[in-house]
Amino acid sequence: MMLMLPTLRAGGFLKRGLLAAANVRAAHGHEGPVLPQVAGPGEPYYDLRVRPLPDVPYQTELSAEQKALKEKEKGSWKLLSNEEKAALYRIKFNRTYTEMNKKSNEWKTVMGGILTFIGFTGLIVWWQHIYVYPPKPHTLHDEWKAMQAQRMLDMRMGPVQGFSSKWDYEKKEWKK
């Protein structure tokens, strides 16, 4: 049983490899034509820079004038004017590649939204600082900190490596 497992696994890889090779050969025209994929009936139209040639035409329902233009398209293109060629292009595509690459001003809207959010957050923090948070405790005032430091020196707290080791008791000043 243990010897069969690697054999089965190798057989699966071999089958997949042969099928993949057959697909590649068929795609390159060695085993018959590869048909292009046709868009489904309800498939939407997309204008994307990465795919400038969509599968679905922009306008699917044509007016009588557009139908006549499509019939005229089947003839010689030398007989078509530039306006008619542009109209035929607009039946198939919504925008040109240049129009798709045109820079937009969307960054201004995004930056405005971000700055509005930051400003609103700042107002909330300011309001909380004034109305929500209690006043600072007396132990955070400078006078209290000075009294606390003096008390620690009087009690000689940490004489070897601590706070009072940095104080010169004879000169009454911090060591240099």
N, C-alpha and C. Protein backbone atom coordinates (compact mmCIF):
# COMPACT_ATOMS: atom_id res chain seq x y z
N MET A 1 0.83 -1.20 0.00
CA MET A 1 0.00 0.00 0.00
C MET A 1 0.87 1.26 0.00
N MET A 2 1.96 1.24 0.76
CA MET A 2 2.82 2.41 0.81
C MET A 2 3.52 2.67 -0.51
N LEU A 3 3.79 1.64 -1.27
CA LEU A 3 4.46 1.83 -2.54
C LEU A 3 3.53 2.37 -3.60
N MET A 4 2.23 2.18 -3.44
CA MET A 4 1.29 2.65 -4.45
C MET A 4 1.05 4.15 -4.37
N LEU A 5 1.14 4.73 -3.18
CA LEU A 5 0.85 6.15 -3.04
C LEU A 5 1.75 7.04 -3.90
N PRO A 6 3.06 6.88 -3.86
CA PRO A 6 3.89 7.71 -4.73
C PRO A 6 3.61 7.47 -6.20
N THR A 7 3.27 6.24 -6.55
CA THR A 7 2.96 5.94 -7.94
C THR A 7 1.71 6.69 -8.38
N LEU A 8 0.68 6.68 -7.51
CA LEU A 8 -0.55 7.40 -7.84
C LEU A 8 -0.29 8.89 -7.96
N ARG A 9 0.52 9.43 -7.03
CA ARG A 9 0.81 10.86 -7.07
C ARG A 9 1.54 11.23 -8.35
N ALA A 10 2.51 10.45 -8.73
CA ALA A 10 3.26 10.72 -9.95
C ALA A 10 2.35 10.60 -11.17
N GLY A 11 1.41 9.64 -11.13
CA GLY A 11 0.47 9.50 -12.23
C GLY A 11 -0.42 10.72 -12.38
N GLY A 12 -0.85 11.29 -11.24
CA GLY A 12 -1.69 12.50 -11.29
C GLY A 12 -0.93 13.68 -11.87
N PHE A 13 0.35 13.83 -11.50
CA PHE A 13 1.16 14.92 -12.04
C PHE A 13 1.37 14.73 -13.54
N LEU A 14 1.57 13.48 -13.94
CA LEU A 14 1.80 13.20 -15.35
C LEU A 14 0.57 13.54 -16.18
N LYS A 15 -0.62 13.15 -15.68
CA LYS A 15 -1.87 13.45 -16.40
C LYS A 15 -2.06 14.96 -16.54
N ARG A 16 -1.86 15.68 -15.42
CA ARG A 16 -2.04 17.13 -15.46
C ARG A 16 -1.04 17.78 -16.40
N GLY A 17 0.18 17.28 -16.40
CA GLY A 17 1.21 17.83 -17.29
C GLY A 17 0.86 17.62 -18.76
N LEU A 18 0.34 16.44 -19.09
CA LEU A 18 -0.05 16.17 -20.48
C LEU A 18 -1.23 17.03 -20.89
N LEU A 19 -2.20 17.19 -19.99
CA LEU A 19 -3.35 18.02 -20.33
C LEU A 19 -2.94 19.47 -20.52
N ALA A 20 -2.05 19.97 -19.66
CA ALA A 20 -1.59 21.35 -19.79
C ALA A 20 -0.84 21.54 -21.10
N ALA A 21 -0.01 20.57 -21.47
CA ALA A 21 0.73 20.67 -22.73
C ALA A 21 -0.23 20.66 -23.92
N ALA A 22 -1.28 19.84 -23.83
CA ALA A 22 -2.26 19.80 -24.92
C ALA A 22 -2.98 21.14 -25.05
N ASN A 23 -3.30 21.76 -23.93
CA ASN A 23 -3.96 23.06 -23.98
C ASN A 23 -3.06 24.12 -24.58
N VAL A 24 -1.79 24.10 -24.24
CA VAL A 24 -0.85 25.08 -24.79
C VAL A 24 -0.72 24.88 -26.29
N ARG A 25 -0.60 23.63 -26.72
CA ARG A 25 -0.48 23.37 -28.15
C ARG A 25 -1.73 23.81 -28.89
N ALA A 26 -2.90 23.59 -28.29
CA ALA A 26 -4.14 23.99 -28.95
C ALA A 26 -4.25 25.51 -29.02
N ALA A 27 -3.78 26.18 -27.99
CA ALA A 27 -3.86 27.64 -27.98
C ALA A 27 -2.95 28.26 -29.02
N HIS A 28 -1.87 27.58 -29.39
CA HIS A 28 -0.94 28.12 -30.37
C HIS A 28 -1.22 27.62 -31.78
N GLY A 29 -2.38 27.03 -31.99
CA GLY A 29 -2.80 26.67 -33.33
C GLY A 29 -2.27 25.36 -33.85
N HIS A 30 -1.78 24.47 -33.01
CA HIS A 30 -1.24 23.21 -33.48
C HIS A 30 -2.30 22.12 -33.59
N GLU A 31 -3.40 22.25 -32.88
CA GLU A 31 -4.42 21.20 -32.91
C GLU A 31 -5.80 21.77 -33.18
N GLY A 32 -5.92 22.67 -34.09
CA GLY A 32 -7.22 23.21 -34.43
C GLY A 32 -7.39 24.63 -33.91
N PRO A 33 -8.42 25.29 -34.36
CA PRO A 33 -8.61 26.69 -33.98
C PRO A 33 -9.09 26.83 -32.53
N VAL A 34 -8.65 27.88 -31.89
CA VAL A 34 -9.13 28.23 -30.56
C VAL A 34 -10.12 29.37 -30.75
N LEU A 35 -11.35 29.14 -30.36
CA LEU A 35 -12.39 30.14 -30.57
C LEU A 35 -12.31 31.24 -29.51
N PRO A 36 -12.51 32.48 -29.91
CA PRO A 36 -12.50 33.55 -28.89
C PRO A 36 -13.73 33.43 -28.01
N GLN A 37 -13.60 33.86 -26.78
CA GLN A 37 -14.74 33.80 -25.87
C GLN A 37 -15.72 34.90 -26.24
N VAL A 38 -16.97 34.52 -26.32
CA VAL A 38 -18.02 35.46 -26.67
C VAL A 38 -18.69 35.92 -25.39
N ALA A 39 -18.94 37.21 -25.30
CA ALA A 39 -19.56 37.76 -24.09
C ALA A 39 -21.00 37.27 -23.99
N GLY A 40 -21.42 37.07 -22.75
CA GLY A 40 -22.79 36.63 -22.50
C GLY A 40 -23.79 37.75 -22.72
N PRO A 41 -25.10 37.43 -22.72
CA PRO A 41 -26.10 38.45 -23.03
C PRO A 41 -26.22 39.56 -21.99
N GLY A 42 -25.96 39.27 -20.72
CA GLY A 42 -26.13 40.30 -19.70
C GLY A 42 -24.82 40.85 -19.18
N GLU A 43 -23.74 40.63 -19.91
CA GLU A 43 -22.42 41.05 -19.43
C GLU A 43 -22.28 42.57 -19.53
N PRO A 44 -21.79 43.21 -18.47
CA PRO A 44 -21.69 44.68 -18.49
C PRO A 44 -20.47 45.16 -19.26
N TYR A 45 -20.53 46.43 -19.67
CA TYR A 45 -19.43 47.07 -20.38
C TYR A 45 -18.49 47.72 -19.37
N TYR A 46 -17.18 47.53 -19.55
CA TYR A 46 -16.19 48.14 -18.68
C TYR A 46 -15.15 48.88 -19.50
N ASP A 47 -14.83 50.10 -19.10
CA ASP A 47 -13.72 50.86 -19.66
C ASP A 47 -12.58 50.78 -18.67
N LEU A 48 -11.57 49.98 -18.96
CA LEU A 48 -10.44 49.83 -18.06
C LEU A 48 -9.15 50.12 -18.82
N ARG A 49 -8.19 50.79 -18.15
CA ARG A 49 -6.91 51.06 -18.79
C ARG A 49 -6.13 49.77 -19.02
N VAL A 50 -6.29 48.81 -18.12
CA VAL A 50 -5.54 47.56 -18.27
C VAL A 50 -6.12 46.67 -19.37
N ARG A 51 -7.40 46.86 -19.69
CA ARG A 51 -8.03 46.13 -20.79
C ARG A 51 -8.76 47.13 -21.68
N PRO A 52 -8.04 47.80 -22.58
CA PRO A 52 -8.68 48.86 -23.36
C PRO A 52 -9.64 48.35 -24.43
N LEU A 53 -9.68 47.05 -24.70
CA LEU A 53 -10.58 46.51 -25.71
C LEU A 53 -11.58 45.57 -25.04
N PRO A 54 -12.72 46.10 -24.56
CA PRO A 54 -13.68 45.23 -23.87
C PRO A 54 -14.36 44.25 -24.82
N ASP A 55 -14.87 43.16 -24.24
CA ASP A 55 -15.54 42.14 -25.03
C ASP A 55 -16.93 42.57 -25.50
N VAL A 56 -17.53 43.46 -24.75
CA VAL A 56 -18.91 43.87 -25.02
C VAL A 56 -18.88 45.26 -25.63
N PRO A 57 -19.68 45.54 -26.69
CA PRO A 57 -19.71 46.90 -27.23
C PRO A 57 -20.40 47.86 -26.26
N TYR A 58 -20.05 49.15 -26.37
CA TYR A 58 -20.61 50.16 -25.47
C TYR A 58 -22.11 50.31 -25.70
N GLN A 59 -22.52 50.41 -26.95
CA GLN A 59 -23.94 50.54 -27.26
C GLN A 59 -24.42 49.25 -27.93
N THR A 60 -25.38 48.61 -27.28
CA THR A 60 -25.91 47.37 -27.86
C THR A 60 -27.20 47.62 -28.63
N GLU A 61 -27.96 48.61 -28.22
CA GLU A 61 -29.20 48.94 -28.93
C GLU A 61 -28.91 50.15 -29.81
N LEU A 62 -28.99 49.95 -31.12
CA LEU A 62 -28.62 51.00 -32.07
C LEU A 62 -29.85 51.69 -32.64
N SER A 63 -29.69 52.97 -32.91
CA SER A 63 -30.77 53.72 -33.57
C SER A 63 -30.73 53.42 -35.07
N ALA A 64 -31.70 53.93 -35.79
CA ALA A 64 -31.76 53.68 -37.23
C ALA A 64 -30.55 54.28 -37.94
N GLU A 65 -30.13 55.46 -37.50
CA GLU A 65 -28.96 56.11 -38.10
C GLU A 65 -27.69 55.30 -37.84
N GLN A 66 -27.57 54.77 -36.63
CA GLN A 66 -26.40 53.96 -36.29
C GLN A 66 -26.40 52.64 -37.05
N LYS A 67 -27.58 52.05 -37.26
CA LYS A 67 -27.67 50.81 -38.04
C LYS A 67 -27.25 51.05 -39.48
N ALA A 68 -27.67 52.20 -40.05
CA ALA A 68 -27.27 52.53 -41.41
C ALA A 68 -25.75 52.73 -41.48
N LEU A 69 -25.19 53.33 -40.47
CA LEU A 69 -23.75 53.55 -40.42
C LEU A 69 -23.01 52.21 -40.31
N LYS A 70 -23.56 51.27 -39.55
CA LYS A 70 -22.95 49.94 -39.43
C LYS A 70 -22.98 49.21 -40.78
N GLU A 71 -24.05 49.39 -41.55
CA GLU A 71 -24.12 48.78 -42.88
C GLU A 71 -23.09 49.40 -43.82
N LYS A 72 -22.93 50.74 -43.69
CA LYS A 72 -21.96 51.44 -44.52
C LYS A 72 -20.54 51.02 -44.15
N GLU A 73 -20.34 50.62 -42.91
CA GLU A 73 -19.03 50.19 -42.41
C GLU A 73 -18.55 48.94 -43.14
N LYS A 74 -19.48 48.10 -43.58
CA LYS A 74 -19.13 46.84 -44.22
C LYS A 74 -18.49 47.07 -45.59
N GLY A 75 -18.68 48.26 -46.14
CA GLY A 75 -18.08 48.58 -47.43
C GLY A 75 -16.66 49.11 -47.25
N SER A 76 -16.23 49.90 -48.22
CA SER A 76 -14.88 50.46 -48.19
C SER A 76 -14.80 51.58 -47.15
N TRP A 77 -13.74 51.56 -46.34
CA TRP A 77 -13.56 52.58 -45.30
C TRP A 77 -13.06 53.89 -45.90
N LYS A 78 -12.64 53.87 -47.14
CA LYS A 78 -12.20 55.11 -47.79
C LYS A 78 -13.40 56.02 -48.07
N LEU A 79 -14.59 55.43 -48.17
CA LEU A 79 -15.80 56.21 -48.43
C LEU A 79 -16.35 56.87 -47.17
N LEU A 80 -15.88 56.45 -46.00
CA LEU A 80 -16.37 57.00 -44.73
C LEU A 80 -15.63 58.29 -44.39
N SER A 81 -16.37 59.26 -43.87
CA SER A 81 -15.75 60.50 -43.42
C SER A 81 -15.17 60.29 -42.01
N ASN A 82 -14.38 61.25 -41.57
CA ASN A 82 -13.79 61.14 -40.23
C ASN A 82 -14.87 61.17 -39.15
N GLU A 83 -15.94 61.93 -39.36
CA GLU A 83 -17.03 61.98 -38.39
C GLU A 83 -17.73 60.63 -38.29
N GLU A 84 -17.91 59.98 -39.44
CA GLU A 84 -18.55 58.65 -39.43
C GLU A 84 -17.65 57.61 -38.75
N LYS A 85 -16.34 57.71 -38.97
CA LYS A 85 -15.41 56.78 -38.30
C LYS A 85 -15.44 57.01 -36.79
N ALA A 86 -15.53 58.28 -36.39
CA ALA A 86 -15.60 58.59 -34.96
C ALA A 86 -16.91 58.07 -34.36
N ALA A 87 -18.01 58.20 -35.12
CA ALA A 87 -19.30 57.70 -34.64
C ALA A 87 -19.28 56.18 -34.51
N LEU A 88 -18.64 55.49 -35.45
CA LEU A 88 -18.50 54.03 -35.36
C LEU A 88 -17.66 53.65 -34.14
N TYR A 89 -16.62 54.42 -33.87
CA TYR A 89 -15.78 54.15 -32.70
C TYR A 89 -16.59 54.31 -31.42
N ARG A 90 -17.44 55.35 -31.37
CA ARG A 90 -18.23 55.61 -30.16
C ARG A 90 -19.35 54.58 -29.97
N ILE A 91 -19.73 53.87 -31.02
CA ILE A 91 -20.69 52.76 -30.86
C ILE A 91 -20.01 51.61 -30.11
N LYS A 92 -18.76 51.35 -30.44
CA LYS A 92 -18.03 50.22 -29.85
C LYS A 92 -17.41 50.58 -28.49
N PHE A 93 -16.88 51.81 -28.35
CA PHE A 93 -16.17 52.20 -27.14
C PHE A 93 -16.73 53.50 -26.57
N ASN A 94 -16.72 53.61 -25.26
CA ASN A 94 -17.21 54.82 -24.59
C ASN A 94 -16.15 55.91 -24.61
N ARG A 95 -14.90 55.53 -24.26
CA ARG A 95 -13.82 56.51 -24.18
C ARG A 95 -12.61 56.00 -24.95
N THR A 96 -11.79 56.94 -25.41
CA THR A 96 -10.54 56.57 -26.05
C THR A 96 -9.52 56.25 -24.96
N TYR A 97 -8.39 55.66 -25.38
CA TYR A 97 -7.35 55.32 -24.40
C TYR A 97 -6.78 56.60 -23.78
N THR A 98 -6.69 57.65 -24.56
CA THR A 98 -6.20 58.94 -24.04
C THR A 98 -7.16 59.48 -22.99
N GLU A 99 -8.45 59.36 -23.25
CA GLU A 99 -9.44 59.82 -22.26
C GLU A 99 -9.39 58.99 -20.99
N MET A 100 -9.09 57.69 -21.13
CA MET A 100 -8.98 56.84 -19.94
C MET A 100 -7.76 57.21 -19.10
N ASN A 101 -6.68 57.65 -19.76
CA ASN A 101 -5.45 58.01 -19.05
C ASN A 101 -5.46 59.43 -18.51
N LYS A 102 -6.47 60.19 -18.83
CA LYS A 102 -6.54 61.58 -18.37
C LYS A 102 -6.61 61.61 -16.84
N LYS A 103 -5.80 62.50 -16.24
CA LYS A 103 -5.75 62.59 -14.79
C LYS A 103 -7.06 63.17 -14.26
N SER A 104 -7.48 62.65 -13.13
CA SER A 104 -8.71 63.14 -12.52
C SER A 104 -8.37 63.99 -11.31
N ASN A 105 -9.33 64.72 -10.81
CA ASN A 105 -9.16 65.55 -9.61
C ASN A 105 -9.72 64.85 -8.38
N GLU A 106 -9.80 63.52 -8.42
CA GLU A 106 -10.35 62.77 -7.31
C GLU A 106 -9.48 62.89 -6.06
N TRP A 107 -8.18 63.12 -6.23
CA TRP A 107 -7.28 63.23 -5.08
C TRP A 107 -7.68 64.40 -4.20
N LYS A 108 -8.25 65.44 -4.79
CA LYS A 108 -8.68 66.60 -3.99
C LYS A 108 -9.83 66.21 -3.07
N THR A 109 -10.75 65.41 -3.57
CA THR A 109 -11.87 64.96 -2.76
C THR A 109 -11.38 64.06 -1.63
N VAL A 110 -10.46 63.17 -1.95
CA VAL A 110 -9.93 62.25 -0.94
C VAL A 110 -9.18 63.03 0.15
N MET A 111 -8.32 63.95 -0.26
CA MET A 111 -7.57 64.75 0.72
C MET A 111 -8.52 65.62 1.54
N GLY A 112 -9.55 66.18 0.92
CA GLY A 112 -10.53 66.95 1.67
C GLY A 112 -11.24 66.11 2.72
N GLY A 113 -11.60 64.89 2.36
CA GLY A 113 -12.25 63.99 3.32
C GLY A 113 -11.32 63.63 4.47
N ILE A 114 -10.06 63.35 4.14
CA ILE A 114 -9.09 63.00 5.19
C ILE A 114 -8.88 64.17 6.14
N LEU A 115 -8.68 65.38 5.59
CA LEU A 115 -8.46 66.55 6.44
C LEU A 115 -9.69 66.90 7.26
N THR A 116 -10.88 66.71 6.69
CA THR A 116 -12.12 66.93 7.46
C THR A 116 -12.19 65.96 8.63
N PHE A 117 -11.86 64.71 8.39
CA PHE A 117 -11.87 63.70 9.44
C PHE A 117 -10.86 64.04 10.54
N ILE A 118 -9.66 64.45 10.14
CA ILE A 118 -8.63 64.82 11.13
C ILE A 118 -9.08 66.03 11.94
N GLY A 119 -9.67 67.03 11.26
CA GLY A 119 -10.16 68.22 11.97
C GLY A 119 -11.27 67.88 12.95
N PHE A 120 -12.20 67.05 12.53
CA PHE A 120 -13.30 66.65 13.40
C PHE A 120 -12.77 65.87 14.61
N THR A 121 -11.80 65.01 14.38
CA THR A 121 -11.19 64.26 15.48
C THR A 121 -10.49 65.20 16.45
N GLY A 122 -9.80 66.23 15.92
CA GLY A 122 -9.16 67.22 16.78
C GLY A 122 -10.17 67.96 17.64
N LEU A 123 -11.31 68.31 17.06
CA LEU A 123 -12.36 68.97 17.84
C LEU A 123 -12.88 68.07 18.96
N ILE A 124 -13.04 66.80 18.69
CA ILE A 124 -13.51 65.87 19.73
C ILE A 124 -12.48 65.77 20.85
N VAL A 125 -11.19 65.66 20.50
CA VAL A 125 -10.14 65.57 21.51
C VAL A 125 -10.11 66.84 22.35
N TRP A 126 -10.21 68.00 21.71
CA TRP A 126 -10.23 69.28 22.43
C TRP A 126 -11.44 69.35 23.38
N TRP A 127 -12.62 68.95 22.90
CA TRP A 127 -13.83 68.97 23.73
C TRP A 127 -13.66 68.04 24.94
N GLN A 128 -13.08 66.85 24.70
CA GLN A 128 -12.87 65.92 25.81
C GLN A 128 -11.87 66.49 26.80
N HIS A 129 -10.85 67.17 26.31
CA HIS A 129 -9.85 67.76 27.20
C HIS A 129 -10.50 68.81 28.12
N ILE A 130 -11.44 69.55 27.60
CA ILE A 130 -12.07 70.61 28.39
C ILE A 130 -13.19 70.07 29.28
N TYR A 131 -14.09 69.25 28.73
CA TYR A 131 -15.32 68.88 29.43
C TYR A 131 -15.32 67.48 30.05
N VAL A 132 -14.52 66.57 29.55
CA VAL A 132 -14.62 65.18 29.99
C VAL A 132 -13.54 64.84 31.02
N TYR A 133 -12.29 65.13 30.70
CA TYR A 133 -11.20 64.74 31.58
C TYR A 133 -11.19 65.62 32.84
N PRO A 134 -10.89 65.03 33.99
CA PRO A 134 -10.81 65.83 35.22
C PRO A 134 -9.54 66.69 35.20
N PRO A 135 -9.47 67.68 36.09
CA PRO A 135 -8.25 68.49 36.13
C PRO A 135 -7.05 67.64 36.57
N LYS A 136 -5.86 68.12 36.24
CA LYS A 136 -4.65 67.38 36.59
C LYS A 136 -4.56 67.24 38.11
N PRO A 137 -4.12 66.10 38.60
CA PRO A 137 -3.97 65.95 40.06
C PRO A 137 -2.82 66.84 40.56
N HIS A 138 -2.89 67.18 41.84
CA HIS A 138 -1.91 68.09 42.41
C HIS A 138 -0.50 67.50 42.40
N THR A 139 -0.40 66.20 42.28
CA THR A 139 0.92 65.56 42.28
C THR A 139 1.68 65.80 40.97
N LEU A 140 1.03 66.33 39.94
CA LEU A 140 1.69 66.61 38.67
C LEU A 140 2.12 68.07 38.55
N HIS A 141 1.80 68.91 39.51
CA HIS A 141 2.22 70.32 39.47
C HIS A 141 3.71 70.41 39.79
N ASP A 142 4.36 71.44 39.29
CA ASP A 142 5.80 71.60 39.47
C ASP A 142 6.20 71.77 40.94
N GLU A 143 5.37 72.49 41.71
CA GLU A 143 5.71 72.68 43.13
C GLU A 143 5.73 71.34 43.86
N TRP A 144 4.76 70.49 43.56
CA TRP A 144 4.70 69.19 44.22
C TRP A 144 5.90 68.33 43.82
N LYS A 145 6.28 68.36 42.54
CA LYS A 145 7.43 67.56 42.09
C LYS A 145 8.70 68.02 42.77
N ALA A 146 8.86 69.34 42.97
CA ALA A 146 10.04 69.85 43.67
C ALA A 146 10.06 69.40 45.12
N MET A 147 8.89 69.46 45.79
CA MET A 147 8.82 69.00 47.18
C MET A 147 9.11 67.50 47.27
N GLN A 148 8.62 66.73 46.32
CA GLN A 148 8.84 65.28 46.31
C GLN A 148 10.32 64.96 46.11
N ALA A 149 10.98 65.68 45.19
CA ALA A 149 12.41 65.45 44.96
C ALA A 149 13.20 65.79 46.23
N GLN A 150 12.84 66.90 46.90
CA GLN A 150 13.54 67.28 48.14
C GLN A 150 13.34 66.23 49.23
N ARG A 151 12.14 65.68 49.33
CA ARG A 151 11.87 64.64 50.33
C ARG A 151 12.69 63.38 50.05
N MET A 152 12.80 63.00 48.74
CA MET A 152 13.60 61.84 48.39
C MET A 152 15.07 62.05 48.75
N LEU A 153 15.56 63.29 48.56
CA LEU A 153 16.94 63.59 48.93
C LEU A 153 17.12 63.56 50.45
N ASP A 154 16.12 64.09 51.19
CA ASP A 154 16.19 64.08 52.65
C ASP A 154 16.19 62.66 53.20
N MET A 155 15.46 61.77 52.55
CA MET A 155 15.39 60.38 53.00
C MET A 155 16.56 59.56 52.47
N ARG A 156 17.39 60.17 51.65
CA ARG A 156 18.55 59.51 51.02
C ARG A 156 18.13 58.21 50.30
N MET A 157 17.18 58.36 49.41
CA MET A 157 16.67 57.20 48.65
C MET A 157 17.65 56.85 47.53
N GLY A 158 18.07 55.59 47.46
CA GLY A 158 18.99 55.11 46.43
C GLY A 158 20.36 55.74 46.52
N PRO A 159 21.06 55.58 47.65
CA PRO A 159 22.34 56.27 47.80
C PRO A 159 23.47 55.70 46.94
N VAL A 160 23.36 54.46 46.46
CA VAL A 160 24.46 53.86 45.70
C VAL A 160 24.33 54.17 44.21
N GLN A 161 23.18 53.82 43.63
CA GLN A 161 22.99 54.03 42.19
C GLN A 161 21.72 54.82 41.89
N GLY A 162 20.95 55.15 42.87
CA GLY A 162 19.65 55.76 42.65
C GLY A 162 19.68 57.28 42.60
N PHE A 163 18.56 57.85 43.03
CA PHE A 163 18.30 59.28 42.91
C PHE A 163 19.29 60.10 43.73
N SER A 164 19.50 59.76 44.99
CA SER A 164 20.35 60.57 45.86
C SER A 164 21.84 60.34 45.62
N SER A 165 22.21 59.37 44.80
CA SER A 165 23.63 59.19 44.48
C SER A 165 24.14 60.30 43.56
N LYS A 166 23.23 61.00 42.91
CA LYS A 166 23.61 62.07 42.00
C LYS A 166 23.60 63.44 42.71
N TRP A 167 23.35 63.48 44.01
CA TRP A 167 23.26 64.74 44.78
C TRP A 167 24.46 64.85 45.70
N ASP A 168 25.08 66.01 45.68
CA ASP A 168 26.20 66.27 46.58
C ASP A 168 25.64 66.93 47.83
N TYR A 169 25.63 66.21 48.97
CA TYR A 169 25.01 66.69 50.20
C TYR A 169 25.84 67.79 50.88
N GLU A 170 27.15 67.85 50.63
CA GLU A 170 27.98 68.87 51.25
C GLU A 170 27.83 70.22 50.55
N LYS A 171 27.77 70.19 49.19
CA LYS A 171 27.66 71.44 48.43
C LYS A 171 26.20 71.84 48.18
N LYS A 172 25.27 70.91 48.47
CA LYS A 172 23.84 71.12 48.24
C LYS A 172 23.53 71.43 46.77
N GLU A 173 24.12 70.61 45.86
CA GLU A 173 23.85 70.75 44.43
C GLU A 173 24.05 69.39 43.75
N TRP A 174 23.56 69.30 42.50
CA TRP A 174 23.69 68.05 41.75
C TRP A 174 25.13 67.85 41.33
N LYS A 175 25.58 66.59 41.37
CA LYS A 175 26.95 66.25 40.96
C LYS A 175 27.11 66.44 39.47
N LYS A 176 28.34 66.78 39.08
CA LYS A 176 28.60 67.01 37.66
C LYS A 176 29.34 65.86 37.05
